[in-house]
Each structure stands twice: as structure tokens, then as C-alpha cells.
C-alpha atoms as a PDB file:
ATOM      1  CA  UNK A   1     169.823-120.220  82.988  1.00  0.00           C
ATOM      2  CA  UNK A   2     167.948-122.691  85.261  1.00  0.00           C
ATOM      3  CA  UNK A   3     167.148-122.128  88.760  1.00  0.00           C
ATOM      4  CA  UNK A   4     169.475-123.548  91.188  1.00  0.00           C
ATOM      5  CA  UNK A   5     169.133-123.020  94.840  1.00  0.00           C
ATOM      6  CA  UNK A   6     167.326-120.032  96.585  1.00  0.00           C
ATOM      7  CA  UNK A   7     167.288-116.273  95.389  1.00  0.00           C
ATOM      8  CA  UNK A   8     164.926-113.871  97.007  1.00  0.00           C
ATOM      9  CA  UNK A   9     164.875-112.156  93.649  1.00  0.00           C
ATOM     10  CA  UNK A  10     162.806-115.147  92.345  1.00  0.00           C
ATOM     11  CA  UNK A  11     160.279-114.693  95.009  1.00  0.00           C
ATOM     12  CA  UNK A  12     156.615-113.759  93.570  1.00  0.00           C
ATOM     13  CA  UNK A  13     155.534-112.719  97.067  1.00  0.00           C
ATOM     14  CA  UNK A  14     154.481-109.305  97.038  1.00  0.00           C
ATOM     15  CA  UNK A  15     156.060-106.922  99.598  1.00  0.00           C
ATOM     16  CA  UNK A  16     152.857-106.635 101.333  1.00  0.00           C
ATOM     17  CA  UNK A  17     151.861-110.194 101.632  1.00  0.00           C
ATOM     18  CA  UNK A  18     155.358-110.688 103.101  1.00  0.00           C
ATOM     19  CA  UNK A  19     154.991-107.800 105.504  1.00  0.00           C
ATOM     20  CA  UNK A  20     151.646-109.374 106.827  1.00  0.00           C
ATOM     21  CA  UNK A  21     152.903-112.473 107.159  1.00  0.00           C
ATOM     22  CA  UNK A  22     155.803-111.435 109.419  1.00  0.00           C
ATOM     23  CA  UNK A  23     153.715-109.055 111.397  1.00  0.00           C
ATOM     24  CA  UNK A  24     150.752-112.168 112.054  1.00  0.00           C
ATOM     25  CA  UNK A  25     150.964-114.628 114.520  1.00  0.00           C
ATOM     26  CA  UNK A  26     151.510-118.196 113.461  1.00  0.00           C
ATOM     27  CA  UNK A  27     148.143-119.904 113.528  1.00  0.00           C
ATOM     28  CA  UNK A  28     149.543-123.361 112.158  1.00  0.00           C
ATOM     29  CA  UNK A  29     147.607-123.446 108.742  1.00  0.00           C
ATOM     30  CA  UNK A  30     150.238-124.037 106.250  1.00  0.00           C
ATOM     31  CA  UNK A  31     148.522-122.009 103.740  1.00  0.00           C
ATOM     32  CA  UNK A  32     149.289-118.837 105.840  1.00  0.00           C
ATOM     33  CA  UNK A  33     152.627-118.850 104.426  1.00  0.00           C
ATOM     34  CA  UNK A  34     152.993-116.787 101.600  1.00  0.00           C
ATOM     35  CA  UNK A  35     153.508-119.105  98.576  1.00  0.00           C
ATOM     36  CA  UNK A  36     151.782-122.089  99.893  1.00  0.00           C
ATOM     37  CA  UNK A  37     148.294-122.903  98.540  1.00  0.00           C
ATOM     38  CA  UNK A  38     146.128-126.018  99.477  1.00  0.00           C
ATOM     39  CA  UNK A  39     147.966-128.150  96.782  1.00  0.00           C
ATOM     40  CA  UNK A  40     151.353-127.329  98.236  1.00  0.00           C
ATOM     41  CA  UNK A  41     150.075-128.091 101.845  1.00  0.00           C
ATOM     42  CA  UNK A  42     148.928-131.263 100.549  1.00  0.00           C
ATOM     43  CA  UNK A  43     152.430-132.280  98.998  1.00  0.00           C
ATOM     44  CA  UNK A  44     154.249-131.152 102.529  1.00  0.00           C
ATOM     45  CA  UNK A  45     151.764-133.410 104.483  1.00  0.00           C
ATOM     46  CA  UNK A  46     152.764-136.289 102.307  1.00  0.00           C
ATOM     47  CA  UNK A  47     155.330-138.591 103.672  1.00  0.00           C
ATOM     48  CA  UNK A  48     156.260-140.204 107.011  1.00  0.00           C
ATOM     49  CA  UNK A  49     158.187-139.172 110.343  1.00  0.00           C
ATOM     50  CA  UNK A  50     160.089-136.187 110.020  1.00  0.00           C
ATOM     51  CA  UNK A  51     159.536-135.541 106.345  1.00  0.00           C
ATOM     52  CA  UNK A  52     155.689-135.173 107.041  1.00  0.00           C
ATOM     53  CA  UNK A  53     154.910-131.584 107.700  1.00  0.00           C
ATOM     54  CA  UNK A  54     151.204-130.835 108.242  1.00  0.00           C
ATOM     55  CA  UNK A  55     151.542-127.344 109.895  1.00  0.00           C
ATOM     56  CA  UNK A  56     153.279-124.046 109.880  1.00  0.00           C
ATOM     57  CA  UNK A  57     155.059-124.972 113.184  1.00  0.00           C
ATOM     58  CA  UNK A  58     156.673-128.059 111.456  1.00  0.00           C
ATOM     59  CA  UNK A  59     157.839-126.223 108.604  1.00  0.00           C
ATOM     60  CA  UNK A  60     159.495-123.678 110.785  1.00  0.00           C
ATOM     61  CA  UNK A  61     160.895-126.566 112.606  1.00  0.00           C
ATOM     62  CA  UNK A  62     162.405-128.110 109.433  1.00  0.00           C
ATOM     63  CA  UNK A  63     163.867-124.808 108.471  1.00  0.00           C
ATOM     64  CA  UNK A  64     165.920-124.597 111.731  1.00  0.00           C
ATOM     65  CA  UNK A  65     166.778-128.142 111.633  1.00  0.00           C
ATOM     66  CA  UNK A  66     168.551-127.484 108.391  1.00  0.00           C
ATOM     67  CA  UNK A  67     170.759-125.076 110.080  1.00  0.00           C
ATOM     68  CA  UNK A  68     172.678-127.427 111.686  1.00  0.00           C
ATOM     69  CA  UNK A  69     176.417-128.388 110.459  1.00  0.00           C
ATOM     70  CA  UNK A  70     176.672-130.449 107.399  1.00  0.00           C
ATOM     71  CA  UNK A  71     178.097-133.926 107.210  1.00  0.00           C
ATOM     72  CA  UNK A  72     181.765-132.615 107.677  1.00  0.00           C
ATOM     73  CA  UNK A  73     180.681-130.611 110.678  1.00  0.00           C
ATOM     74  CA  UNK A  74     181.029-127.364 108.651  1.00  0.00           C
ATOM     75  CA  UNK A  75     178.335-124.849 110.235  1.00  0.00           C
ATOM     76  CA  UNK A  76     176.272-123.778 107.328  1.00  0.00           C
ATOM     77  CA  UNK A  77     175.836-119.872 106.737  1.00  0.00           C
ATOM     78  CA  UNK A  78     172.637-117.958 105.776  1.00  0.00           C
ATOM     79  CA  UNK A  79     173.127-118.674 102.165  1.00  0.00           C
ATOM     80  CA  UNK A  80     173.622-122.451 102.672  1.00  0.00           C
ATOM     81  CA  UNK A  81     170.881-122.626 105.076  1.00  0.00           C
ATOM     82  CA  UNK A  82     168.319-121.196 102.629  1.00  0.00           C
ATOM     83  CA  UNK A  83     169.590-123.231  99.580  1.00  0.00           C
ATOM     84  CA  UNK A  84     169.280-126.617 101.903  1.00  0.00           C
ATOM     85  CA  UNK A  85     165.736-125.220 102.636  1.00  0.00           C
ATOM     86  CA  UNK A  86     165.006-124.683  99.075  1.00  0.00           C
ATOM     87  CA  UNK A  87     166.416-128.320  97.991  1.00  0.00           C
ATOM     88  CA  UNK A  88     164.263-129.689 100.493  1.00  0.00           C
ATOM     89  CA  UNK A  89     161.175-128.187  99.427  1.00  0.00           C
ATOM     90  CA  UNK A  90     161.959-129.230  95.818  1.00  0.00           C
ATOM     91  CA  UNK A  91     162.715-132.906  96.906  1.00  0.00           C
ATOM     92  CA  UNK A  92     159.138-132.846  98.632  1.00  0.00           C
ATOM     93  CA  UNK A  93     157.454-131.954  95.220  1.00  0.00           C
ATOM     94  CA  UNK A  94     156.916-128.067  95.540  1.00  0.00           C
ATOM     95  CA  UNK A  95     157.407-127.054  92.120  1.00  0.00           C
ATOM     96  CA  UNK A  96     156.537-123.215  92.391  1.00  0.00           C
ATOM     97  CA  UNK A  97     157.164-120.514  94.773  1.00  0.00           C
ATOM     98  CA  UNK A  98     160.027-122.144  96.237  1.00  0.00           C
ATOM     99  CA  UNK A  99     161.891-118.851  96.623  1.00  0.00           C
ATOM    100  CA  UNK A 100     158.950-116.759  97.959  1.00  0.00           C
ATOM    101  CA  UNK A 101     158.215-119.859 100.461  1.00  0.00           C
ATOM    102  CA  UNK A 102     162.002-119.782 101.909  1.00  0.00           C
ATOM    103  CA  UNK A 103     162.094-116.024 101.747  1.00  0.00           C
ATOM    104  CA  UNK A 104     158.800-115.845 104.098  1.00  0.00           C
ATOM    105  CA  UNK A 105     159.973-118.471 106.384  1.00  0.00           C
ATOM    106  CA  UNK A 106     163.561-117.184 106.894  1.00  0.00           C
ATOM    107  CA  UNK A 107     162.466-113.480 107.319  1.00  0.00           C
ATOM    108  CA  UNK A 108     159.762-114.459 109.768  1.00  0.00           C
ATOM    109  CA  UNK A 109     162.262-116.819 111.958  1.00  0.00           C
ATOM    110  CA  UNK A 110     164.558-113.790 111.530  1.00  0.00           C
ATOM    111  CA  UNK A 111     162.418-111.669 113.524  1.00  0.00           C
ATOM    112  CA  UNK A 112     162.409-114.165 116.626  1.00  0.00           C
ATOM    113  CA  UNK A 113     166.254-115.095 115.773  1.00  0.00           C
ATOM    114  CA  UNK A 114     168.058-112.084 114.399  1.00  0.00           C
ATOM    115  CA  UNK A 115     170.929-113.157 112.437  1.00  0.00           C
ATOM    116  CA  UNK A 116     169.617-116.483 111.181  1.00  0.00           C
ATOM    117  CA  UNK A 117     168.988-114.735 107.860  1.00  0.00           C
ATOM    118  CA  UNK A 118     170.931-112.201 106.182  1.00  0.00           C
ATOM    119  CA  UNK A 119     169.280-110.604 103.300  1.00  0.00           C
ATOM    120  CA  UNK A 120     172.134-108.565 102.482  1.00  0.00           C
ATOM    121  CA  UNK A 121     174.150-111.985 101.341  1.00  0.00           C
ATOM    122  CA  UNK A 122     171.955-111.863  98.090  1.00  0.00           C
ATOM    123  CA  UNK A 123     172.597-108.134  97.015  1.00  0.00           C
ATOM    124  CA  UNK A 124     174.573-107.534  93.934  1.00  0.00           C
ATOM    125  CA  UNK A 125     178.174-106.410  94.265  1.00  0.00           C
ATOM    126  CA  UNK A 126     178.732-105.997  90.763  1.00  0.00           C
END
């Protein structure tokens, strides 16, 4: 089955790397985000206006901006929010580590804004 949307189980970021990122101060360097290497930073920086992301602050801002209501004024939940960010990364051309990047940013932001990310939404209930 093909990947469709965000799934934290597809993250290849180690627990240690994720914990280190969550604990660390944001420097602005996109490569500080687990899953983003130099080529990924170049891809994110390509574009114009709001589509151009050159630092971690802008990437976090993009994540937060995607939390708003959809076109029908339906307020998105954590799962929809992370999917929107995952698909935005895909549209930008990030072809690997998308789930790791989403997980890292969501977990980091959740420490500042508790409840914005609900990891329990992804636990198997079967």
C-alpha cells in the first residue's frame, strides 16, 4: 500500500534525535530539524513569497498556519493538520523523511502549545 498522509510510525527519526530536537533551542537552521538535510533545506528555500521557507521559524510558522479552518470553515483537528503539513512538504518536493519532519515539528510545537498535536490519535485501536 502506498504512503498516504502523515503516519508517525513511518518516521525514521530515532527517539534520541527527536528528544534532542525537542529539548534544544531553535537556531533557525533548517537542518536542525530531524529529517532535513542540506538538500531538503534547498528544496524548502525554493519558491517565492509564503512558499519560500529558509529557516526553522518559517517552517514552524507554515505548520501553524495550516492549523486554520479549511475552505468550509471546518476547524481541522490534529490528524488533518499533520496531513496538511505532510502534503505541503510533498508538494514542495520533499520526497523522503516527510513523516519524520512532521513528527519533529508537531512534537516540538506541542511543547509550546499543548494539545496542538495528539500523538494518541495514531495508536492502533484494533
